[in-house]
Amino acid sequence: MRHDGKYYHISPWGLSWDDENYYLVGFDSEAGIIKHYRVDKMLHITMSDEPREGKERFEKFDLAAYAKKIYSISRCCSQQTVYSLGICTWRWS
């Protein structure tokens, strides 16, 4: 497990795909930045009733441009792929 099994708390805003892997893209309010996480490495995912944070950061956010920059990919799912309206919490596998 990464970071001694620490739980991550993030507001999801999109999914991207690269080299047969999906990545959750979301806002980390503790760090105040947009981050990405590999979905197949997540354990114990839970959803909360808390509202998503980071809306102002994602209003003009280009998920495809972010994905190209971060993962060097040309395909990316739309932001509509994340169905949750809450915040998810998980631990790395």
Protein backbone atom coordinates (compact mmCIF):
# COMPACT_ATOMS: atom_id res chain seq x y z
CA MET A 1 0.00 0.00 0.00
CA ARG A 2 1.13 3.53 -0.69
CA HIS A 3 1.52 6.15 2.00
CA ASP A 4 1.17 3.57 4.82
CA GLY A 5 -2.42 2.76 3.85
CA LYS A 6 -3.58 6.36 4.17
CA TYR A 7 -7.11 7.08 2.98
CA TYR A 8 -7.46 9.60 0.16
CA HIS A 9 -10.38 12.04 0.08
CA ILE A 10 -11.05 13.59 -3.34
CA SER A 11 -13.85 15.27 -5.29
CA PRO A 12 -14.12 13.34 -8.59
CA TRP A 13 -14.56 15.33 -11.80
CA GLY A 14 -13.54 13.02 -14.61
CA LEU A 15 -12.08 9.75 -15.84
CA SER A 16 -9.31 9.37 -18.37
CA TRP A 17 -7.84 6.30 -20.00
CA ASP A 18 -4.24 5.50 -20.89
CA ASP A 19 -2.48 2.28 -21.84
CA GLU A 20 -5.33 0.01 -20.68
CA ASN A 21 -5.80 1.88 -17.37
CA TYR A 22 -8.45 4.28 -16.10
CA TYR A 23 -7.49 7.30 -14.01
CA LEU A 24 -9.76 9.28 -11.72
CA VAL A 25 -9.18 13.03 -12.09
CA GLY A 26 -10.39 15.14 -9.22
CA PHE A 27 -9.83 17.98 -6.80
CA ASP A 28 -7.85 17.40 -3.62
CA SER A 29 -9.12 20.12 -1.27
CA GLU A 30 -6.43 19.44 1.32
CA ALA A 31 -3.69 20.17 -1.24
CA GLY A 32 -5.83 22.65 -3.21
CA ILE A 33 -4.90 21.09 -6.57
CA ILE A 34 -6.17 18.77 -9.29
CA LYS A 35 -4.76 15.26 -9.04
CA HIS A 36 -5.13 11.93 -10.82
CA TYR A 37 -5.20 8.37 -9.46
CA ARG A 38 -5.15 4.96 -11.14
CA VAL A 39 -8.56 3.38 -10.57
CA ASP A 40 -7.44 -0.27 -10.47
CA LYS A 41 -5.14 0.52 -7.53
CA MET A 42 -7.98 1.76 -5.31
CA LEU A 43 -9.36 -0.28 -2.42
CA HIS A 44 -12.31 0.26 -0.09
CA ILE A 45 -13.95 2.99 -2.19
CA THR A 46 -16.80 4.77 -0.43
CA MET A 47 -19.01 7.63 -1.43
CA SER A 48 -20.06 10.45 0.86
CA ASP A 49 -22.98 12.84 0.81
CA GLU A 50 -20.64 15.83 0.89
CA PRO A 51 -20.83 18.14 -2.13
CA ARG A 52 -17.97 17.98 -4.60
CA GLU A 53 -15.31 20.63 -4.20
CA GLY A 54 -13.22 22.36 -6.84
CA LYS A 55 -16.06 23.36 -9.17
CA GLU A 56 -14.42 26.72 -9.90
CA ARG A 57 -11.22 24.89 -10.92
CA PHE A 58 -13.10 22.58 -13.30
CA GLU A 59 -15.38 25.14 -14.97
CA LYS A 60 -12.68 25.92 -17.54
CA PHE A 61 -10.72 22.69 -17.10
CA ASP A 62 -9.86 20.80 -20.29
CA LEU A 63 -9.69 17.13 -19.31
CA ALA A 64 -8.33 16.04 -22.69
CA ALA A 65 -5.50 18.60 -22.56
CA TYR A 66 -4.70 17.58 -18.97
CA ALA A 67 -4.61 13.91 -19.96
CA LYS A 68 -2.29 14.58 -22.91
CA LYS A 69 0.03 16.58 -20.71
CA ILE A 70 0.06 14.18 -17.76
CA TYR A 71 -0.24 10.78 -19.42
CA SER A 72 0.71 11.63 -23.01
CA ILE A 73 -2.52 10.14 -24.29
CA SER A 74 -4.74 11.03 -27.18
CA ARG A 75 -7.98 9.39 -25.96
CA CYS A 76 -9.90 10.61 -22.98
CA CYS A 77 -13.37 10.07 -21.57
CA SER A 78 -15.61 13.04 -21.04
CA GLN A 79 -16.16 14.55 -17.63
CA GLN A 80 -19.64 13.04 -17.72
CA THR A 81 -18.06 9.62 -17.06
CA VAL A 82 -17.99 10.21 -13.30
CA TYR A 83 -21.47 9.44 -12.07
CA SER A 84 -20.96 10.38 -8.44
CA LEU A 85 -22.19 13.67 -7.07
CA GLY A 86 -20.28 13.19 -3.83
CA ILE A 87 -16.72 12.73 -2.70
CA CYS A 88 -15.04 9.35 -2.78
CA THR A 89 -12.58 7.98 -0.29
CA TRP A 90 -10.28 4.97 -0.78
CA ARG A 91 -6.97 3.35 0.06
CA TRP A 92 -4.35 2.23 -2.45
CA SER A 93 -3.88 -1.47 -3.09
